[in-house]
Amino acid sequence: MTRVTVCVVRQEADLAVAPLTLTAVREQFVDMTAPFMQTGLSFLLKQDGASEGSSFSLLAPFSSDMWAGLLLAFLMTGLCMVLVGRISPTEWAEPQTDEHSFTLLHSFWYITGALTLQGAGPHPKALSGRVVGAIWWLFCVLLLASYFGNFHLLLHSNNKHTHIKSFEDLANQDVIDYGTVEGGSTMSFFKYSNNPVYRRMYEHMERKKSFVSSMEEGVRLTQEGNFAFIGEAVSLDLAVAHHCKLSRSQDVISMRAYVIAVPLGSHLLKNLTIAVLKLSESGELAYLQDKWWASSCLDAGPRASGALRAHDLRGLFFLLGLGLALGLLLGLVELLSRARSRAKDSKKSCCSVLTSELNQRFGSKAPSAEQDAADKSKA
């Protein structure tokens, strides 16, 4: 019998409002109101120990925003290869007659080969294309190193603990110790249960002396790791709402109810029972539970343990962006140099020749009238 119940039995208190479950033993010594909350038995684990297997474990090393960033980097690099292949005169010397090598399809195929560290030809000939290719190769090498390094850590972490989802899983492992409050109704349930699994769990707790003096101690031991605290699900949910590193098992057994205890024959019993029923029927109890059991964890969204985010590798993305910008700049410099050389030969303005070059590379393949006239004068 708990301390608060003893106080009521001794008439040291008029009533007991606590996480007090309705049991046959307590009913013999105190009067109890109608239940104001339903609960059951479950257990707390530190999140690392409660990790579940996933069908998409290959995606676990990176978070969702990281994968989105990689897709964007892939598309941007492919488009940059296309632009550099068209702009650079070293890569595409004669737009009127030659076909450029780096089409959209080949550009994506080329960077895919680099991503798998295999390569795919033809390779860039221009300095600008080689800069883009080299930066992408460096990006891929560092990215793969981060991926496989984090994947190894996740596998190592997952293998340290059994994937514990139920009481049976908890009973069938010896990595994590477990216990409950000594002398409470939860301990009595395991002690007198006819279920062999629960009886075996009680014998384990008795042998290991893993009982705790209070729920606060059980929560503290769970936070320290390698311990699972068994208690009432509602109380455990409140602990999870305030301690972001904890999680509660979805397995709930031995459904029970919380009640208010009063001394035998107390005149308060009827009024308290009516008040509890009114609060329950009006939905006020459900509202209060949602209010006070709300999680205080700011970043408690679903996230794979240890998954790398785009923010963690922002330097790598910055390096790639800088390399792509440098490659495009070098391509423009190469084209500008060719335009200046042709402008001197044809005695035209550099701007007009540059415009003509850009039209040929990004517009019609047919040579312009001015280019035809220049060729005829040379002939």
Protein backbone atom coordinates (compact mmCIF):
# COMPACT_ATOMS: atom_id res chain seq x y z
CA MET A 1 0.00 0.00 0.00
CA THR A 2 1.40 3.38 -0.93
CA ARG A 3 2.22 6.15 1.54
CA VAL A 4 -0.73 8.34 0.51
CA THR A 5 -3.14 5.44 1.00
CA VAL A 6 -1.75 4.78 4.46
CA CYS A 7 -2.34 8.44 5.37
CA VAL A 8 -6.00 8.09 4.35
CA VAL A 9 -6.40 4.81 6.24
CA ARG A 10 -4.98 6.43 9.37
CA GLN A 11 -7.32 9.40 8.74
CA GLU A 12 -4.34 11.72 8.62
CA ALA A 13 -5.77 13.05 5.32
CA ASP A 14 -9.34 13.55 4.11
CA LEU A 15 -8.58 12.36 0.60
CA ALA A 16 -5.70 11.24 -1.62
CA VAL A 17 -5.35 12.68 -5.14
CA ALA A 18 -2.39 10.93 -6.78
CA PRO A 19 -1.56 8.42 -9.51
CA LEU A 20 -3.45 5.94 -7.36
CA THR A 21 -4.72 2.84 -9.14
CA LEU A 22 -7.89 0.99 -8.22
CA THR A 23 -6.98 -2.42 -6.74
CA ALA A 24 -8.83 -5.03 -4.72
CA VAL A 25 -6.46 -4.63 -1.75
CA ARG A 26 -6.93 -0.87 -1.55
CA GLU A 27 -10.69 -1.21 -1.90
CA GLN A 28 -10.71 -3.13 1.40
CA PHE A 29 -9.23 -0.23 3.39
CA VAL A 30 -10.46 2.96 1.65
CA ASP A 31 -13.39 4.12 -0.43
CA MET A 32 -12.63 5.13 -4.01
CA THR A 33 -14.41 7.40 -6.46
CA ALA A 34 -15.25 6.66 -10.06
CA PRO A 35 -12.07 6.53 -12.23
CA PHE A 36 -10.93 9.87 -13.60
CA MET A 37 -8.25 8.45 -15.94
CA GLN A 38 -7.61 5.12 -17.63
CA THR A 39 -4.10 3.73 -17.91
CA GLY A 40 -2.07 0.52 -18.09
CA LEU A 41 1.45 -0.75 -17.57
CA SER A 42 4.23 0.12 -20.00
CA PHE A 43 7.93 0.93 -19.81
CA LEU A 44 10.33 3.78 -20.54
CA LEU A 45 13.50 3.51 -22.58
CA LYS A 46 16.17 5.91 -23.64
CA GLN A 47 15.60 6.66 -27.34
CA ASP A 48 18.82 4.99 -28.48
CA GLY A 49 17.67 1.77 -26.85
CA ALA A 50 14.18 2.06 -28.30
CA SER A 51 15.21 2.43 -31.93
CA GLU A 52 13.18 0.32 -34.28
CA GLY A 53 14.31 -1.41 -37.42
CA SER A 54 13.35 0.30 -40.64
CA SER A 55 12.76 -0.98 -44.14
CA PHE A 56 14.59 2.12 -45.36
CA SER A 57 17.70 1.78 -43.18
CA LEU A 58 19.87 2.61 -46.20
CA LEU A 59 18.40 6.12 -46.09
CA ALA A 60 18.98 6.49 -42.33
CA PRO A 61 22.49 8.07 -42.45
CA PHE A 62 21.02 11.23 -44.04
CA SER A 63 17.93 13.16 -42.98
CA SER A 64 15.13 14.05 -45.41
CA ASP A 65 16.36 17.61 -45.90
CA MET A 66 19.84 16.23 -46.65
CA TRP A 67 18.46 13.96 -49.38
CA ALA A 68 16.53 16.90 -50.84
CA GLY A 69 19.74 18.95 -50.83
CA LEU A 70 21.60 16.16 -52.62
CA LEU A 71 18.93 15.97 -55.32
CA LEU A 72 19.13 19.73 -55.83
CA ALA A 73 22.95 19.58 -55.98
CA PHE A 74 22.74 16.77 -58.56
CA LEU A 75 20.36 18.74 -60.79
CA MET A 76 22.33 21.97 -60.49
CA THR A 77 25.62 20.23 -61.33
CA GLY A 78 24.10 18.52 -64.38
CA LEU A 79 22.71 21.82 -65.69
CA CYS A 80 26.06 23.51 -65.03
CA MET A 81 27.85 20.83 -67.09
CA VAL A 82 25.41 21.49 -69.94
CA LEU A 83 26.00 25.24 -69.79
CA VAL A 84 29.79 24.91 -69.60
CA GLY A 85 29.73 22.42 -72.49
CA ARG A 86 27.82 24.90 -74.65
CA ILE A 87 29.65 28.07 -73.61
CA SER A 88 33.27 26.92 -73.70
CA PRO A 89 34.80 27.14 -77.21
CA THR A 90 37.31 24.47 -76.21
CA GLU A 91 34.46 22.08 -75.52
CA TRP A 92 32.33 23.09 -78.53
CA ALA A 93 34.51 24.82 -81.11
CA GLU A 94 32.19 25.02 -84.13
CA PRO A 95 28.49 25.29 -83.23
CA GLN A 96 27.57 25.50 -86.94
CA THR A 97 28.90 22.05 -87.83
CA ASP A 98 29.86 20.07 -84.72
CA GLU A 99 27.61 18.40 -82.17
CA HIS A 100 28.44 19.22 -78.57
CA SER A 101 29.32 16.25 -76.36
CA PHE A 102 27.72 17.36 -73.12
CA THR A 103 24.04 17.10 -73.83
CA LEU A 104 21.61 17.10 -70.90
CA LEU A 105 21.44 13.30 -70.89
CA HIS A 106 25.20 12.81 -71.06
CA SER A 107 25.82 15.46 -68.38
CA PHE A 108 23.61 13.63 -65.90
CA TRP A 109 25.15 10.31 -66.91
CA TYR A 110 28.64 11.76 -66.38
CA ILE A 111 27.94 13.05 -62.86
CA THR A 112 26.14 9.79 -62.00
CA GLY A 113 29.30 7.90 -62.94
CA ALA A 114 31.29 10.22 -60.71
CA LEU A 115 28.82 9.67 -57.86
CA THR A 116 29.49 5.92 -58.07
CA LEU A 117 33.25 6.54 -58.42
CA GLN A 118 33.23 4.78 -61.80
CA GLY A 119 33.37 7.66 -64.28
CA ALA A 120 31.72 7.94 -67.69
CA GLY A 121 33.24 9.35 -70.88
CA PRO A 122 33.79 11.45 -72.79
CA HIS A 123 35.43 13.66 -70.20
CA PRO A 124 35.55 17.47 -70.34
CA LYS A 125 38.34 19.00 -72.45
CA ALA A 126 37.98 22.61 -71.39
CA LEU A 127 39.45 24.01 -68.18
CA SER A 128 36.00 25.18 -67.07
CA GLY A 129 34.47 21.72 -67.56
CA ARG A 130 37.36 20.07 -65.75
CA VAL A 131 36.94 22.43 -62.81
CA VAL A 132 33.24 21.55 -62.54
CA GLY A 133 34.03 17.85 -62.91
CA ALA A 134 36.83 17.96 -60.32
CA ILE A 135 34.66 19.80 -57.78
CA TRP A 136 31.83 17.31 -58.28
CA TRP A 137 34.25 14.37 -57.86
CA LEU A 138 35.59 15.91 -54.64
CA PHE A 139 32.02 16.50 -53.45
CA CYS A 140 31.12 12.86 -54.15
CA VAL A 141 34.19 11.46 -52.38
CA LEU A 142 33.57 13.49 -49.21
CA LEU A 143 29.84 12.80 -49.37
CA LEU A 144 30.32 9.03 -49.67
CA ALA A 145 32.85 9.09 -46.84
CA SER A 146 30.29 10.89 -44.63
CA TYR A 147 27.53 8.48 -45.67
CA PHE A 148 29.41 5.24 -45.03
CA GLY A 149 30.98 6.59 -41.84
CA ASN A 150 27.59 7.52 -40.40
CA PHE A 151 26.03 4.29 -41.68
CA HIS A 152 28.67 2.31 -39.79
CA LEU A 153 27.97 4.29 -36.62
CA LEU A 154 24.22 3.69 -36.94
CA LEU A 155 24.71 -0.04 -37.43
CA HIS A 156 27.07 -0.17 -34.46
CA SER A 157 24.61 1.78 -32.33
CA ASN A 158 21.65 -0.38 -33.35
CA ASN A 159 23.56 -3.56 -32.56
CA LYS A 160 24.29 -2.42 -28.99
CA HIS A 161 20.67 -2.82 -27.97
CA THR A 162 18.02 -5.29 -28.88
CA HIS A 163 15.05 -3.79 -30.71
CA ILE A 164 12.71 -3.73 -27.74
CA LYS A 165 9.06 -3.18 -28.56
CA SER A 166 7.14 -5.24 -26.00
CA PHE A 167 7.38 -6.73 -22.51
CA GLU A 168 8.27 -10.07 -24.07
CA ASP A 169 11.19 -8.45 -25.91
CA LEU A 170 12.28 -6.85 -22.65
CA ALA A 171 12.14 -10.20 -20.84
CA ASN A 172 14.07 -12.03 -23.57
CA GLN A 173 17.15 -9.78 -23.55
CA ASP A 174 19.98 -9.25 -21.09
CA VAL A 175 21.49 -5.99 -22.36
CA ILE A 176 19.13 -3.56 -20.63
CA ASP A 177 18.20 -3.94 -16.98
CA TYR A 178 14.65 -3.10 -15.86
CA GLY A 179 12.70 -2.43 -12.72
CA THR A 180 9.67 -0.78 -11.13
CA VAL A 181 8.73 1.04 -7.92
CA GLU A 182 9.20 -1.21 -4.91
CA GLY A 183 6.00 -1.97 -3.01
CA GLY A 184 3.68 -0.44 -5.63
CA SER A 185 0.76 -1.95 -7.53
CA THR A 186 2.97 -2.52 -10.58
CA MET A 187 5.33 -4.69 -8.54
CA SER A 188 2.33 -6.62 -7.16
CA PHE A 189 1.05 -7.25 -10.67
CA PHE A 190 4.29 -8.93 -11.74
CA LYS A 191 4.68 -10.73 -8.43
CA TYR A 192 1.26 -12.40 -8.48
CA SER A 193 0.77 -12.72 -12.24
CA ASN A 194 0.03 -16.15 -13.72
CA ASN A 195 1.69 -15.20 -16.99
CA PRO A 196 5.09 -16.97 -17.16
CA VAL A 197 6.73 -14.03 -18.93
CA TYR A 198 5.67 -11.56 -16.25
CA ARG A 199 6.62 -13.97 -13.48
CA ARG A 200 10.05 -14.37 -15.04
CA MET A 201 10.40 -10.58 -15.19
CA TYR A 202 9.58 -10.31 -11.47
CA GLU A 203 12.15 -12.99 -10.64
CA HIS A 204 14.71 -11.07 -12.68
CA MET A 205 13.95 -7.82 -10.83
CA GLU A 206 14.07 -9.64 -7.50
CA ARG A 207 17.39 -11.28 -8.35
CA LYS A 208 18.97 -8.09 -9.69
CA LYS A 209 17.47 -5.92 -6.92
CA SER A 210 16.46 -3.46 -9.67
CA PHE A 211 13.47 -2.03 -7.83
CA VAL A 212 13.50 1.74 -7.32
CA SER A 213 12.18 3.81 -4.45
CA SER A 214 10.23 6.31 -6.60
CA MET A 215 9.24 7.11 -10.14
CA GLU A 216 11.73 10.00 -10.19
CA GLU A 217 14.57 7.56 -9.52
CA GLY A 218 13.33 5.24 -12.27
CA VAL A 219 13.20 8.11 -14.79
CA ARG A 220 16.70 9.20 -13.78
CA LEU A 221 18.13 5.69 -14.24
CA THR A 222 16.45 5.42 -17.64
CA GLN A 223 18.01 8.71 -18.73
CA GLU A 224 21.44 7.41 -17.74
CA GLY A 225 20.96 4.48 -20.14
CA ASN A 226 20.81 0.66 -20.03
CA PHE A 227 17.72 0.70 -17.84
CA ALA A 228 14.01 0.39 -18.58
CA PHE A 229 11.57 1.76 -16.01
CA ILE A 230 8.23 -0.05 -15.78
CA GLY A 231 5.25 1.96 -14.61
CA GLU A 232 1.80 3.27 -15.47
CA ALA A 233 1.54 4.51 -19.05
CA VAL A 234 -0.03 7.88 -18.19
CA SER A 235 2.73 8.72 -15.72
CA LEU A 236 5.36 7.58 -18.21
CA ASP A 237 3.81 9.78 -20.91
CA LEU A 238 4.19 12.76 -18.60
CA ALA A 239 7.88 11.91 -18.13
CA VAL A 240 8.36 11.62 -21.91
CA ALA A 241 6.72 15.03 -22.39
CA HIS A 242 9.38 16.63 -20.17
CA HIS A 243 12.43 14.50 -21.03
CA CYS A 244 13.04 14.50 -24.77
CA LYS A 245 15.55 11.63 -24.71
CA LEU A 246 12.98 9.17 -23.39
CA SER A 247 10.34 7.19 -25.23
CA ARG A 248 7.52 4.95 -24.05
CA SER A 249 6.83 1.52 -25.47
CA GLN A 250 3.56 1.17 -27.35
CA ASP A 251 2.92 -2.14 -25.57
CA VAL A 252 0.42 -1.56 -22.74
CA ILE A 253 -0.76 -4.36 -20.42
CA SER A 254 -2.97 -4.70 -17.33
CA MET A 255 -5.41 -1.88 -18.02
CA ARG A 256 -6.35 -0.03 -14.83
CA ALA A 257 -7.77 3.27 -13.64
CA TYR A 258 -6.74 6.21 -11.47
CA VAL A 259 -9.12 7.11 -8.63
CA ILE A 260 -9.40 9.42 -5.63
CA ALA A 261 -9.24 7.67 -2.24
CA VAL A 262 -11.15 8.74 0.87
CA PRO A 263 -11.53 7.11 4.31
CA LEU A 264 -14.17 4.39 4.64
CA GLY A 265 -17.61 5.90 5.06
CA SER A 266 -16.49 9.41 4.17
CA HIS A 267 -19.26 11.87 3.26
CA LEU A 268 -16.99 13.23 0.48
CA LEU A 269 -17.22 10.09 -1.66
CA LYS A 270 -20.57 10.77 -3.39
CA ASN A 271 -19.84 14.43 -4.18
CA LEU A 272 -16.37 13.60 -5.51
CA THR A 273 -17.72 10.80 -7.70
CA ILE A 274 -20.44 13.07 -9.15
CA ALA A 275 -17.83 15.79 -9.83
CA VAL A 276 -15.51 13.33 -11.60
CA LEU A 277 -18.35 12.02 -13.76
CA LYS A 278 -19.43 15.54 -14.73
CA LEU A 279 -15.89 16.52 -15.69
CA SER A 280 -15.56 13.34 -17.73
CA GLU A 281 -18.89 13.78 -19.54
CA SER A 282 -18.14 17.42 -20.40
CA GLY A 283 -14.74 16.55 -21.89
CA GLU A 284 -12.92 18.70 -19.33
CA LEU A 285 -10.73 15.81 -18.18
CA ALA A 286 -9.63 15.08 -21.74
CA TYR A 287 -8.87 18.77 -22.28
CA LEU A 288 -6.79 18.95 -19.09
CA GLN A 289 -4.83 15.83 -20.07
CA ASP A 290 -4.02 17.28 -23.50
CA LYS A 291 -2.98 20.54 -21.86
CA TRP A 292 -0.70 19.19 -19.15
CA TRP A 293 0.67 16.21 -21.08
CA ALA A 294 1.73 18.36 -24.05
CA SER A 295 5.38 17.81 -24.97
CA SER A 296 7.84 20.53 -23.98
CA CYS A 297 10.45 19.25 -26.47
CA LEU A 298 11.09 21.88 -29.15
CA ASP A 299 12.68 19.64 -31.78
CA ALA A 300 10.94 16.38 -31.07
CA GLY A 301 9.91 15.64 -34.64
CA PRO A 302 10.69 12.24 -36.19
CA ARG A 303 14.32 12.06 -36.98
CA ALA A 304 16.62 9.10 -37.37
CA SER A 305 19.11 8.94 -34.54
CA GLY A 306 22.39 10.43 -35.69
CA ALA A 307 21.16 11.23 -39.22
CA LEU A 308 23.25 13.92 -40.89
CA ARG A 309 21.37 17.08 -41.88
CA ALA A 310 22.18 19.46 -44.70
CA HIS A 311 23.24 21.96 -42.04
CA ASP A 312 25.93 19.54 -40.83
CA LEU A 313 27.55 19.42 -44.30
CA ARG A 314 26.88 23.02 -45.32
CA GLY A 315 30.60 23.51 -45.99
CA LEU A 316 30.52 20.72 -48.55
CA PHE A 317 27.55 22.26 -50.36
CA PHE A 318 29.22 25.66 -50.24
CA LEU A 319 32.34 24.15 -51.85
CA LEU A 320 30.24 22.63 -54.63
CA GLY A 321 28.40 25.90 -55.28
CA LEU A 322 31.70 27.79 -55.40
CA GLY A 323 33.13 25.27 -57.84
CA LEU A 324 30.10 25.46 -60.14
CA ALA A 325 30.25 29.25 -60.14
CA LEU A 326 33.99 29.16 -60.91
CA GLY A 327 33.43 26.70 -63.77
CA LEU A 328 30.75 28.91 -65.33
CA LEU A 329 32.98 31.98 -64.93
CA LEU A 330 35.91 30.23 -66.62
CA GLY A 331 33.61 29.15 -69.47
CA LEU A 332 32.50 32.74 -69.99
CA VAL A 333 36.13 33.92 -69.90
CA GLU A 334 37.04 31.35 -72.57
CA LEU A 335 34.14 32.47 -74.75
CA LEU A 336 34.97 36.14 -74.21
CA SER A 337 38.59 35.51 -75.17
CA ARG A 338 37.51 33.82 -78.39
CA ALA A 339 35.06 36.66 -79.14
CA ARG A 340 37.80 39.26 -78.71
CA SER A 341 40.12 37.32 -81.00
CA ARG A 342 37.45 37.03 -83.70
CA ALA A 343 36.46 40.66 -83.27
CA LYS A 344 40.01 41.72 -84.10
CA ASP A 345 40.13 39.49 -87.17
CA SER A 346 36.76 40.65 -88.52
CA LYS A 347 37.18 44.25 -87.29
CA LYS A 348 33.89 44.19 -85.43
CA SER A 349 32.93 45.07 -81.90
CA CYS A 350 33.58 42.43 -79.28
CA CYS A 351 30.01 42.76 -78.03
CA SER A 352 28.46 41.92 -81.41
CA VAL A 353 30.72 38.91 -81.90
CA LEU A 354 29.99 37.69 -78.37
CA THR A 355 26.26 38.07 -78.98
CA SER A 356 26.58 36.12 -82.23
CA GLU A 357 28.48 33.34 -80.45
CA LEU A 358 25.83 33.08 -77.75
CA ASN A 359 23.04 32.99 -80.37
CA GLN A 360 24.79 30.15 -82.19
CA ARG A 361 25.33 28.16 -79.00
CA PHE A 362 21.91 28.66 -77.42
CA GLY A 363 19.77 29.51 -80.48
CA SER A 364 19.53 28.32 -84.05
CA LYS A 365 22.30 26.16 -85.48
CA ALA A 366 22.13 28.03 -88.77
CA PRO A 367 24.92 30.60 -89.18
CA SER A 368 23.88 34.23 -89.04
CA ALA A 369 23.91 36.47 -92.11
CA GLU A 370 26.79 38.47 -90.74
CA GLN A 371 28.88 35.36 -90.26
CA ASP A 372 28.14 34.25 -93.80
CA ALA A 373 29.21 37.65 -95.15
CA ALA A 374 32.40 37.50 -93.15
CA ASP A 375 33.20 34.03 -94.47
CA LYS A 376 32.56 35.14 -98.04
CA SER A 377 34.85 38.19 -97.66
CA LYS A 378 37.59 35.96 -96.31
CA ALA A 379 37.12 33.57 -99.23
